[in-house]
């Protein structure tokens, strides 16, 4: 039981990270028409994975204004 919790947490982080990469890839595909592209790395994929669409919007905001 003590080892199951960290493994579940790591699997959840991995799944969220993969979903974040998918969201970022879709954003890059659509954003390509507007000249907007986001880098896909571990930090941006985890932000997009944890926060979902608001996380992607936050990354776009940072890219445009900072």
C-alpha atoms as a PDB file:
ATOM      1  CA  UNK A   1       0.000   0.000   0.000  1.00  0.00           C
ATOM      2  CA  UNK A   2       2.789   2.433   0.811  1.00  0.00           C
ATOM      3  CA  UNK A   3       4.367   1.924  -2.614  1.00  0.00           C
ATOM      4  CA  UNK A   4       1.091   2.054  -4.552  1.00  0.00           C
ATOM      5  CA  UNK A   5       0.387   5.753  -3.876  1.00  0.00           C
ATOM      6  CA  UNK A   6       3.593   7.130  -5.471  1.00  0.00           C
ATOM      7  CA  UNK A   7       3.171   4.841  -8.473  1.00  0.00           C
ATOM      8  CA  UNK A   8      -0.425   6.032  -8.959  1.00  0.00           C
ATOM      9  CA  UNK A   9       0.772   9.629  -8.694  1.00  0.00           C
ATOM     10  CA  UNK A  10       3.513   9.067 -11.281  1.00  0.00           C
ATOM     11  CA  UNK A  11       1.052   7.409 -13.668  1.00  0.00           C
ATOM     12  CA  UNK A  12      -1.366  10.307 -13.220  1.00  0.00           C
ATOM     13  CA  UNK A  13       1.426  12.815 -13.945  1.00  0.00           C
ATOM     14  CA  UNK A  14       2.422  10.860 -17.051  1.00  0.00           C
ATOM     15  CA  UNK A  15      -1.147  10.729 -18.367  1.00  0.00           C
ATOM     16  CA  UNK A  16      -1.680  14.434 -17.661  1.00  0.00           C
ATOM     17  CA  UNK A  17       1.609  15.243 -19.365  1.00  0.00           C
ATOM     18  CA  UNK A  18       0.599  13.265 -22.460  1.00  0.00           C
ATOM     19  CA  UNK A  19      -2.761  15.036 -22.559  1.00  0.00           C
ATOM     20  CA  UNK A  20      -0.890  18.318 -22.267  1.00  0.00           C
ATOM     21  CA  UNK A  21       1.291  17.401 -25.241  1.00  0.00           C
ATOM     22  CA  UNK A  22      -1.830  16.605 -27.259  1.00  0.00           C
ATOM     23  CA  UNK A  23      -3.402  19.946 -26.294  1.00  0.00           C
ATOM     24  CA  UNK A  24      -0.203  21.781 -27.212  1.00  0.00           C
ATOM     25  CA  UNK A  25       0.031  19.957 -30.546  1.00  0.00           C
ATOM     26  CA  UNK A  26      -3.546  20.945 -31.387  1.00  0.00           C
ATOM     27  CA  UNK A  27      -2.783  24.521 -30.327  1.00  0.00           C
ATOM     28  CA  UNK A  28       0.326  24.573 -32.515  1.00  0.00           C
ATOM     29  CA  UNK A  29      -1.616  23.178 -35.467  1.00  0.00           C
ATOM     30  CA  UNK A  30      -4.389  25.760 -35.177  1.00  0.00           C
ATOM     31  CA  UNK A  31      -2.022  28.530 -34.092  1.00  0.00           C
ATOM     32  CA  UNK A  32       0.138  27.929 -37.159  1.00  0.00           C
ATOM     33  CA  UNK A  33      -2.473  29.728 -39.220  1.00  0.00           C
ATOM     34  CA  UNK A  34      -2.116  32.789 -36.990  1.00  0.00           C
ATOM     35  CA  UNK A  35       1.645  32.725 -36.524  1.00  0.00           C
ATOM     36  CA  UNK A  36       1.447  31.429 -32.952  1.00  0.00           C
ATOM     37  CA  UNK A  37       3.467  28.473 -31.767  1.00  0.00           C
ATOM     38  CA  UNK A  38       4.194  27.097 -28.322  1.00  0.00           C
ATOM     39  CA  UNK A  39       7.231  25.063 -27.384  1.00  0.00           C
ATOM     40  CA  UNK A  40       6.501  21.506 -26.369  1.00  0.00           C
ATOM     41  CA  UNK A  41       8.698  20.494 -23.461  1.00  0.00           C
ATOM     42  CA  UNK A  42       8.155  18.862 -20.092  1.00  0.00           C
ATOM     43  CA  UNK A  43       7.190  22.074 -18.303  1.00  0.00           C
ATOM     44  CA  UNK A  44       4.652  23.287 -20.833  1.00  0.00           C
ATOM     45  CA  UNK A  45       3.131  19.822 -21.210  1.00  0.00           C
ATOM     46  CA  UNK A  46       2.713  19.461 -17.446  1.00  0.00           C
ATOM     47  CA  UNK A  47       1.177  22.927 -17.166  1.00  0.00           C
ATOM     48  CA  UNK A  48      -1.232  22.080 -19.974  1.00  0.00           C
ATOM     49  CA  UNK A  49      -1.873  18.647 -18.461  1.00  0.00           C
ATOM     50  CA  UNK A  50      -2.584  19.910 -14.950  1.00  0.00           C
ATOM     51  CA  UNK A  51      -4.639  22.943 -15.906  1.00  0.00           C
ATOM     52  CA  UNK A  52      -6.130  21.765 -19.182  1.00  0.00           C
ATOM     53  CA  UNK A  53      -7.483  24.433 -21.522  1.00  0.00           C
ATOM     54  CA  UNK A  54      -6.907  27.279 -19.013  1.00  0.00           C
ATOM     55  CA  UNK A  55      -3.277  26.155 -18.824  1.00  0.00           C
ATOM     56  CA  UNK A  56      -2.897  26.350 -22.593  1.00  0.00           C
ATOM     57  CA  UNK A  57      -4.511  29.792 -22.556  1.00  0.00           C
ATOM     58  CA  UNK A  58      -2.076  30.823 -19.816  1.00  0.00           C
ATOM     59  CA  UNK A  59       0.864  29.640 -21.922  1.00  0.00           C
ATOM     60  CA  UNK A  60      -0.470  31.560 -24.919  1.00  0.00           C
ATOM     61  CA  UNK A  61      -0.833  34.670 -22.739  1.00  0.00           C
ATOM     62  CA  UNK A  62       2.772  34.319 -21.550  1.00  0.00           C
ATOM     63  CA  UNK A  63       3.976  33.814 -25.106  1.00  0.00           C
ATOM     64  CA  UNK A  64       2.169  36.897 -26.398  1.00  0.00           C
ATOM     65  CA  UNK A  65       2.684  39.379 -23.567  1.00  0.00           C
ATOM     66  CA  UNK A  66       5.862  38.382 -21.711  1.00  0.00           C
END
